[in-house]
Amino acid sequence: MTEIARTVQQTARPVGFPTPDHFRFVESPVPAPAPGTALVENLLWSVDPYHREMMDGDFELNAPLEGRTLGRVVASRAPALPEGEVVFHRQGWRTHAVVGPEEVRRLPHHPGVPLSAYLSVLGGTGLTAYVALTRIARLRAGEDVFVSGAAGGVGTAAGRFARLLGAGRVIGSAGGPEKVRHLTERVGYDAAFDYHGAPVAELLAEAAPRGVDVFVDNVGGGHLGAAIGALRERGRVVRVGTISQYNTPDAPPVLFDHAAVVEKSLRIEGFLVKDHRDAQEELYDFAVPHLRSGALTADETVVDGFERIVEAFLLMLRGGNTGKTLVRAI
């Protein structure tokens, strides 16, 4: 174990896209655990789109940032946290954390499942996609699904899960031809389009000329308006995120046909995954057998080295990732 602990702090509120100047690395001695706590050396860090929203006011300036993280207990003064145990906790964006038993989740032992999966397809990212499809949309076999931001962490998981849940056609949007090819050639999407190529409504009509039943929306903006038009009677919109507006606070409001919501008996519902943590074991039961059989793959972009965590975060915000963005200790 190193003798120096490093944390990342936010130094200012960004307007538009953040830059490296909005962060700083701070070094300090490795903390010692107090009675009833344990020292964790972090191994894997998740950087997520929601961090950008939190930069506008939820993150305290000049203080360590939070985030989903996996780490190994290296010194313990808590019987419930034995040394060597790998745990999930939310004191991310730092190399070391002192945690109590109530602040962590001990990982289950699923032979053959890579550790990174517990931050991607089995973590908050996968849980978001699973809840969106099963609890909010209540996807039924044979129904057609459209996913915006389909090449990101939630989008790739949603596409793979929809296929395993028996969806009919699965359509996705992504930013760039390489991502479109990844969706159709590797993730299992039946059709995908580059939203830069033309108005989204036109591209969606071409990809799904008979419409769709469920829209999993990670983007907002024009994607939401287009999907309202494409949804069939009793279609459902699941609002997961609005990444198109995270870095454009002056973006115009989303325009869509409000009359269509009534005339087609549509349902629009958003959710926060933190309100569905009781679905975690359900996700394991669903996804782990598919991971072991090879029917399910975790889509991940892994950046090596904690010193590159800000770089990885900014890369993800600019769409430079495919699947879940993770940072790995080296």
Protein backbone atom coordinates (compact mmCIF):
# COMPACT_ATOMS: atom_id res chain seq x y z
CA MET A 1 0.00 0.00 0.00
CA THR A 2 1.29 3.49 -0.84
CA GLU A 3 1.98 6.01 1.92
CA ILE A 4 0.24 8.88 0.14
CA ALA A 5 -3.50 9.21 -0.43
CA ARG A 6 -4.79 11.28 -3.34
CA THR A 7 -8.21 12.86 -3.75
CA VAL A 8 -9.87 14.87 -6.50
CA GLN A 9 -11.64 18.10 -5.58
CA GLN A 10 -13.82 20.43 -7.63
CA THR A 11 -12.50 24.00 -7.50
CA ALA A 12 -15.16 25.98 -9.41
CA ARG A 13 -18.62 25.69 -10.97
CA PRO A 14 -18.44 25.17 -14.74
CA VAL A 15 -20.59 26.93 -17.30
CA GLY A 16 -20.96 24.54 -20.21
CA PHE A 17 -18.41 21.76 -20.51
CA PRO A 18 -16.04 21.39 -17.54
CA THR A 19 -12.30 21.46 -18.12
CA PRO A 20 -9.31 20.11 -16.16
CA ASP A 21 -9.07 23.54 -14.52
CA HIS A 22 -12.27 22.80 -12.59
CA PHE A 23 -10.47 20.04 -10.64
CA ARG A 24 -7.35 19.54 -8.58
CA PHE A 25 -5.55 16.58 -7.06
CA VAL A 26 -4.71 16.82 -3.36
CA GLU A 27 -2.23 14.61 -1.53
CA SER A 28 -2.29 13.69 2.16
CA PRO A 29 -1.08 10.84 4.40
CA VAL A 30 -3.09 7.64 4.12
CA PRO A 31 -5.79 7.88 6.82
CA ALA A 32 -5.98 5.43 9.69
CA PRO A 33 -9.29 3.73 10.50
CA ALA A 34 -11.00 4.61 13.76
CA PRO A 35 -12.67 1.93 15.89
CA GLY A 36 -15.64 0.48 14.00
CA THR A 37 -14.29 1.48 10.57
CA ALA A 38 -11.94 0.14 7.94
CA LEU A 39 -9.45 1.57 5.48
CA VAL A 40 -10.17 0.72 1.85
CA GLU A 41 -7.68 1.05 -0.98
CA ASN A 42 -9.73 1.71 -4.09
CA LEU A 43 -9.30 -0.47 -7.19
CA LEU A 44 -11.93 0.67 -9.71
CA TRP A 45 -13.75 3.97 -10.09
CA SER A 46 -16.93 4.79 -11.99
CA VAL A 47 -17.32 8.15 -13.72
CA ASP A 48 -20.91 8.89 -14.65
CA PRO A 49 -22.97 11.52 -16.48
CA TYR A 50 -24.78 12.42 -13.26
CA HIS A 51 -21.51 13.80 -11.88
CA ARG A 52 -21.85 16.67 -14.35
CA GLU A 53 -25.21 17.64 -12.86
CA MET A 54 -23.75 17.49 -9.36
CA MET A 55 -20.96 19.86 -10.33
CA ASP A 56 -23.55 22.63 -10.63
CA GLY A 57 -24.24 22.70 -6.89
CA ASP A 58 -24.41 19.29 -5.22
CA PHE A 59 -20.67 18.72 -5.00
CA GLU A 60 -19.04 20.84 -2.31
CA LEU A 61 -16.17 22.90 -3.65
CA ASN A 62 -12.64 22.10 -2.43
CA ALA A 63 -13.75 18.83 -0.88
CA PRO A 64 -13.31 15.21 -2.05
CA LEU A 65 -15.86 14.22 -4.68
CA GLU A 66 -18.13 11.20 -4.35
CA GLY A 67 -18.69 8.36 -6.77
CA ARG A 68 -19.23 4.63 -7.08
CA THR A 69 -16.09 2.67 -6.30
CA LEU A 70 -14.78 -0.81 -5.61
CA GLY A 71 -11.94 -1.21 -3.13
CA ARG A 72 -10.14 -3.74 -0.97
CA VAL A 73 -10.11 -3.51 2.83
CA VAL A 74 -6.45 -3.13 3.80
CA ALA A 75 -6.76 -2.29 7.51
CA SER A 76 -9.81 -2.95 9.64
CA ARG A 77 -11.07 -2.09 13.08
CA ALA A 78 -14.56 -3.38 12.25
CA PRO A 79 -15.28 -7.12 12.57
CA ALA A 80 -17.87 -6.88 9.79
CA LEU A 81 -15.20 -5.66 7.35
CA PRO A 82 -12.38 -8.22 7.28
CA GLU A 83 -9.09 -7.35 5.64
CA GLY A 84 -8.90 -8.53 2.05
CA GLU A 85 -12.64 -8.14 1.43
CA VAL A 86 -13.63 -6.25 -1.74
CA VAL A 87 -16.47 -3.81 -1.14
CA PHE A 88 -18.60 -1.31 -3.02
CA HIS A 89 -18.91 2.19 -1.59
CA ARG A 90 -19.51 5.77 -2.73
CA GLN A 91 -16.35 7.53 -1.51
CA GLY A 92 -14.87 7.59 -4.98
CA TRP A 93 -12.53 10.05 -6.71
CA ARG A 94 -9.88 9.17 -4.14
CA THR A 95 -7.31 6.43 -3.72
CA HIS A 96 -8.21 5.57 -0.11
CA ALA A 97 -11.32 5.86 2.01
CA VAL A 98 -12.25 5.17 5.63
CA VAL A 99 -15.69 3.55 5.75
CA GLY A 100 -18.07 2.00 8.25
CA PRO A 101 -20.04 -1.19 7.66
CA GLU A 102 -23.19 0.82 6.96
CA GLU A 103 -21.46 2.68 4.11
CA VAL A 104 -20.44 -0.34 2.03
CA ARG A 105 -21.93 -3.28 0.22
CA ARG A 106 -19.94 -6.49 0.30
CA LEU A 107 -19.78 -8.02 -3.15
CA PRO A 108 -21.27 -11.43 -3.77
CA HIS A 109 -18.94 -14.14 -4.99
CA HIS A 110 -20.04 -15.06 -8.50
CA PRO A 111 -17.34 -17.27 -10.03
CA GLY A 112 -16.45 -16.29 -13.57
CA VAL A 113 -17.79 -12.73 -13.29
CA PRO A 114 -15.12 -10.01 -13.73
CA LEU A 115 -14.78 -7.47 -10.93
CA SER A 116 -15.47 -4.55 -13.27
CA ALA A 117 -18.96 -5.91 -13.98
CA TYR A 118 -20.03 -4.86 -10.46
CA LEU A 119 -19.58 -1.24 -11.54
CA SER A 120 -21.00 -1.66 -15.04
CA VAL A 121 -23.63 -4.18 -16.06
CA LEU A 122 -24.19 -5.40 -12.47
CA GLY A 123 -23.70 -1.98 -10.87
CA GLY A 124 -25.68 1.23 -10.88
CA THR A 125 -25.45 1.44 -14.66
CA GLY A 126 -26.94 -2.00 -15.23
CA LEU A 127 -29.46 -1.50 -12.44
CA THR A 128 -30.68 1.68 -14.12
CA ALA A 129 -31.23 -0.14 -17.41
CA TYR A 130 -32.89 -3.10 -15.70
CA VAL A 131 -35.28 -0.97 -13.64
CA ALA A 132 -36.11 1.16 -16.68
CA LEU A 133 -37.19 -1.86 -18.69
CA THR A 134 -38.78 -4.07 -16.05
CA ARG A 135 -40.25 -1.77 -13.41
CA ILE A 136 -40.96 1.47 -15.23
CA ALA A 137 -41.68 0.42 -18.84
CA ARG A 138 -42.85 -3.08 -17.84
CA LEU A 139 -41.52 -4.35 -21.15
CA ARG A 140 -43.47 -7.26 -22.62
CA ALA A 141 -42.08 -9.88 -24.99
CA GLY A 142 -42.31 -8.82 -28.60
CA GLU A 143 -42.49 -5.08 -27.93
CA ASP A 144 -40.20 -2.77 -29.90
CA VAL A 145 -37.77 -0.56 -27.97
CA PHE A 146 -35.94 2.66 -28.87
CA VAL A 147 -32.96 3.75 -26.75
CA SER A 148 -31.28 7.15 -27.04
CA GLY A 149 -27.62 7.46 -26.12
CA ALA A 150 -27.50 3.76 -26.89
CA ALA A 151 -23.70 3.46 -27.00
CA GLY A 152 -23.21 4.67 -23.41
CA GLY A 153 -23.21 2.58 -20.26
CA VAL A 154 -26.96 2.55 -19.66
CA GLY A 155 -27.70 2.41 -23.39
CA THR A 156 -25.63 -0.68 -24.11
CA ALA A 157 -26.99 -2.43 -21.01
CA ALA A 158 -30.56 -1.50 -21.99
CA GLY A 159 -30.08 -2.91 -25.47
CA ARG A 160 -28.61 -6.18 -24.24
CA PHE A 161 -31.22 -6.56 -21.49
CA ALA A 162 -34.10 -5.79 -23.87
CA ARG A 163 -32.90 -8.55 -26.16
CA LEU A 164 -32.65 -11.02 -23.25
CA LEU A 165 -36.12 -9.99 -22.03
CA GLY A 166 -37.63 -10.94 -25.36
CA ALA A 167 -38.09 -7.54 -27.00
CA GLY A 168 -39.08 -7.41 -30.66
CA ARG A 169 -36.95 -4.89 -32.55
CA VAL A 170 -34.39 -2.84 -30.62
CA ILE A 171 -33.38 0.51 -32.14
CA GLY A 172 -30.71 2.87 -30.86
CA SER A 173 -29.23 6.29 -31.53
CA ALA A 174 -25.56 7.13 -31.07
CA GLY A 175 -23.08 9.83 -31.94
CA GLY A 176 -20.96 8.57 -34.79
CA PRO A 177 -20.72 5.75 -37.33
CA GLU A 178 -18.31 3.64 -35.26
CA LYS A 179 -20.72 3.60 -32.34
CA VAL A 180 -23.59 2.72 -34.67
CA ARG A 181 -21.61 -0.25 -35.98
CA HIS A 182 -20.82 -1.33 -32.41
CA LEU A 183 -24.51 -1.32 -31.55
CA THR A 184 -25.61 -3.40 -34.50
CA GLU A 185 -22.59 -5.71 -34.82
CA ARG A 186 -21.78 -6.38 -31.16
CA VAL A 187 -24.52 -5.23 -28.77
CA GLY A 188 -27.47 -6.75 -30.61
CA TYR A 189 -29.41 -3.71 -31.79
CA ASP A 190 -31.52 -4.45 -34.87
CA ALA A 191 -31.04 -0.92 -36.18
CA ALA A 192 -29.13 2.16 -35.10
CA PHE A 193 -28.50 5.63 -36.49
CA ASP A 194 -26.05 8.49 -36.08
CA TYR A 195 -28.13 11.37 -34.74
CA HIS A 196 -25.70 13.86 -36.32
CA GLY A 197 -26.80 12.82 -39.81
CA ALA A 198 -30.29 14.34 -40.00
CA PRO A 199 -33.22 15.36 -37.76
CA VAL A 200 -33.81 12.59 -35.24
CA ALA A 201 -37.49 12.27 -36.16
CA GLU A 202 -36.52 11.45 -39.76
CA LEU A 203 -33.86 8.95 -38.74
CA LEU A 204 -36.16 7.24 -36.26
CA ALA A 205 -38.97 7.01 -38.82
CA GLU A 206 -36.57 5.33 -41.22
CA ALA A 207 -35.26 2.90 -38.59
CA ALA A 208 -38.69 2.11 -37.13
CA PRO A 209 -41.30 2.87 -39.81
CA ARG A 210 -44.04 1.07 -37.86
CA GLY A 211 -43.24 2.84 -34.60
CA VAL A 212 -42.09 1.61 -31.19
CA ASP A 213 -43.67 0.66 -27.89
CA VAL A 214 -41.03 1.76 -25.38
CA PHE A 215 -38.54 4.65 -25.38
CA VAL A 216 -35.64 4.58 -22.90
CA ASP A 217 -34.37 8.16 -22.95
CA ASN A 218 -30.85 9.03 -21.81
CA VAL A 219 -30.62 12.20 -23.89
CA GLY A 220 -33.76 14.34 -23.92
CA GLY A 221 -33.95 17.21 -26.39
CA GLY A 222 -34.95 16.33 -29.93
CA HIS A 223 -34.85 12.62 -29.16
CA LEU A 224 -37.78 12.96 -26.78
CA GLY A 225 -39.85 14.91 -29.28
CA ALA A 226 -39.11 12.38 -32.02
CA ALA A 227 -39.99 9.42 -29.83
CA ILE A 228 -43.34 10.89 -28.80
CA GLY A 229 -44.23 10.97 -32.47
CA ALA A 230 -43.05 7.39 -33.07
CA LEU A 231 -44.69 5.74 -30.08
CA ARG A 232 -47.66 3.50 -30.68
CA GLU A 233 -50.85 3.51 -28.64
CA ARG A 234 -50.15 2.98 -24.93
CA GLY A 235 -46.45 3.51 -25.49
CA ARG A 236 -44.15 4.31 -22.58
CA VAL A 237 -41.33 6.81 -22.18
CA VAL A 238 -38.79 6.08 -19.45
CA ARG A 239 -36.77 9.19 -18.62
CA VAL A 240 -33.33 8.19 -17.40
CA GLY A 241 -31.27 11.30 -18.13
CA THR A 242 -30.92 14.48 -20.16
CA ILE A 243 -27.28 14.39 -21.17
CA SER A 244 -27.94 16.65 -24.16
CA GLN A 245 -28.56 19.52 -21.72
CA TYR A 246 -26.01 18.87 -18.97
CA ASN A 247 -23.43 21.13 -20.59
CA THR A 248 -25.85 23.51 -22.34
CA PRO A 249 -27.83 25.24 -19.57
CA ASP A 250 -29.35 27.70 -22.06
CA ALA A 251 -30.74 24.97 -24.34
CA PRO A 252 -34.33 25.65 -25.45
CA PRO A 253 -37.07 23.59 -23.81
CA VAL A 254 -37.97 20.26 -25.35
CA LEU A 255 -40.79 20.49 -27.88
CA PHE A 256 -43.15 17.60 -28.49
CA ASP A 257 -46.75 16.99 -29.46
CA HIS A 258 -48.57 17.16 -26.13
CA ALA A 259 -51.83 16.14 -27.79
CA ALA A 260 -50.23 12.84 -28.85
CA VAL A 261 -49.67 11.95 -25.20
CA VAL A 262 -53.42 12.04 -24.67
CA GLU A 263 -54.56 10.69 -28.01
CA LYS A 264 -52.22 7.69 -27.87
CA SER A 265 -52.61 7.16 -24.09
CA LEU A 266 -48.86 7.48 -23.57
CA ARG A 267 -47.11 7.31 -20.22
CA ILE A 268 -43.98 9.36 -19.43
CA GLU A 269 -42.18 8.47 -16.22
CA GLY A 270 -38.77 9.27 -14.79
CA PHE A 271 -37.00 7.63 -11.87
CA LEU A 272 -33.87 7.68 -9.73
CA VAL A 273 -32.07 4.38 -9.39
CA LYS A 274 -31.39 5.06 -5.70
CA ASP A 275 -35.09 4.47 -5.10
CA HIS A 276 -34.85 0.94 -6.51
CA ARG A 277 -31.90 -0.55 -4.65
CA ASP A 278 -34.15 -3.40 -3.61
CA ALA A 279 -33.84 -4.61 -7.22
CA GLN A 280 -30.11 -5.33 -6.87
CA GLU A 281 -30.48 -9.03 -6.04
CA GLU A 282 -33.10 -9.33 -8.76
CA LEU A 283 -30.57 -7.93 -11.23
CA TYR A 284 -27.95 -10.46 -10.09
CA ASP A 285 -30.43 -13.31 -10.53
CA PHE A 286 -31.26 -12.12 -14.03
CA ALA A 287 -27.85 -11.09 -15.36
CA VAL A 288 -25.23 -13.34 -13.74
CA PRO A 289 -26.32 -16.56 -15.50
CA HIS A 290 -26.19 -14.72 -18.84
CA LEU A 291 -22.72 -13.34 -18.05
CA ARG A 292 -21.49 -16.82 -17.22
CA SER A 293 -22.98 -18.33 -20.38
CA GLY A 294 -21.62 -15.58 -22.61
CA ALA A 295 -25.09 -14.44 -23.66
CA LEU A 296 -24.42 -11.11 -21.90
CA THR A 297 -21.27 -9.01 -22.21
CA ALA A 298 -20.31 -5.93 -20.22
CA ASP A 299 -19.53 -3.02 -22.55
CA GLU A 300 -16.74 -1.03 -20.91
CA THR A 301 -14.18 1.66 -21.72
CA VAL A 302 -11.41 1.24 -19.14
CA VAL A 303 -8.83 3.98 -18.47
CA ASP A 304 -5.75 2.93 -16.49
CA GLY A 305 -4.42 5.04 -13.63
CA PHE A 306 -6.17 7.12 -10.97
CA GLU A 307 -4.26 10.17 -12.20
CA ARG A 308 -6.38 9.97 -15.37
CA ILE A 309 -9.79 10.02 -13.66
CA VAL A 310 -10.54 13.61 -14.67
CA GLU A 311 -9.44 12.82 -18.22
CA ALA A 312 -11.75 9.81 -18.26
CA PHE A 313 -14.68 11.88 -16.97
CA LEU A 314 -14.22 14.59 -19.60
CA LEU A 315 -13.76 11.96 -22.32
CA MET A 316 -17.10 10.41 -21.32
CA LEU A 317 -18.88 13.78 -21.39
CA ARG A 318 -17.59 14.35 -24.91
CA GLY A 319 -18.83 10.95 -26.05
CA GLY A 320 -15.38 9.38 -26.31
CA ASN A 321 -16.45 6.14 -24.67
CA THR A 322 -18.38 3.05 -25.69
CA GLY A 323 -20.29 1.47 -22.83
CA LYS A 324 -19.50 2.15 -19.19
CA THR A 325 -16.46 4.34 -18.43
CA LEU A 326 -14.26 2.96 -15.66
CA VAL A 327 -10.89 3.93 -14.21
CA ARG A 328 -8.62 1.13 -13.02
CA ALA A 329 -5.78 1.32 -10.52
CA ILE A 330 -2.40 0.23 -11.84
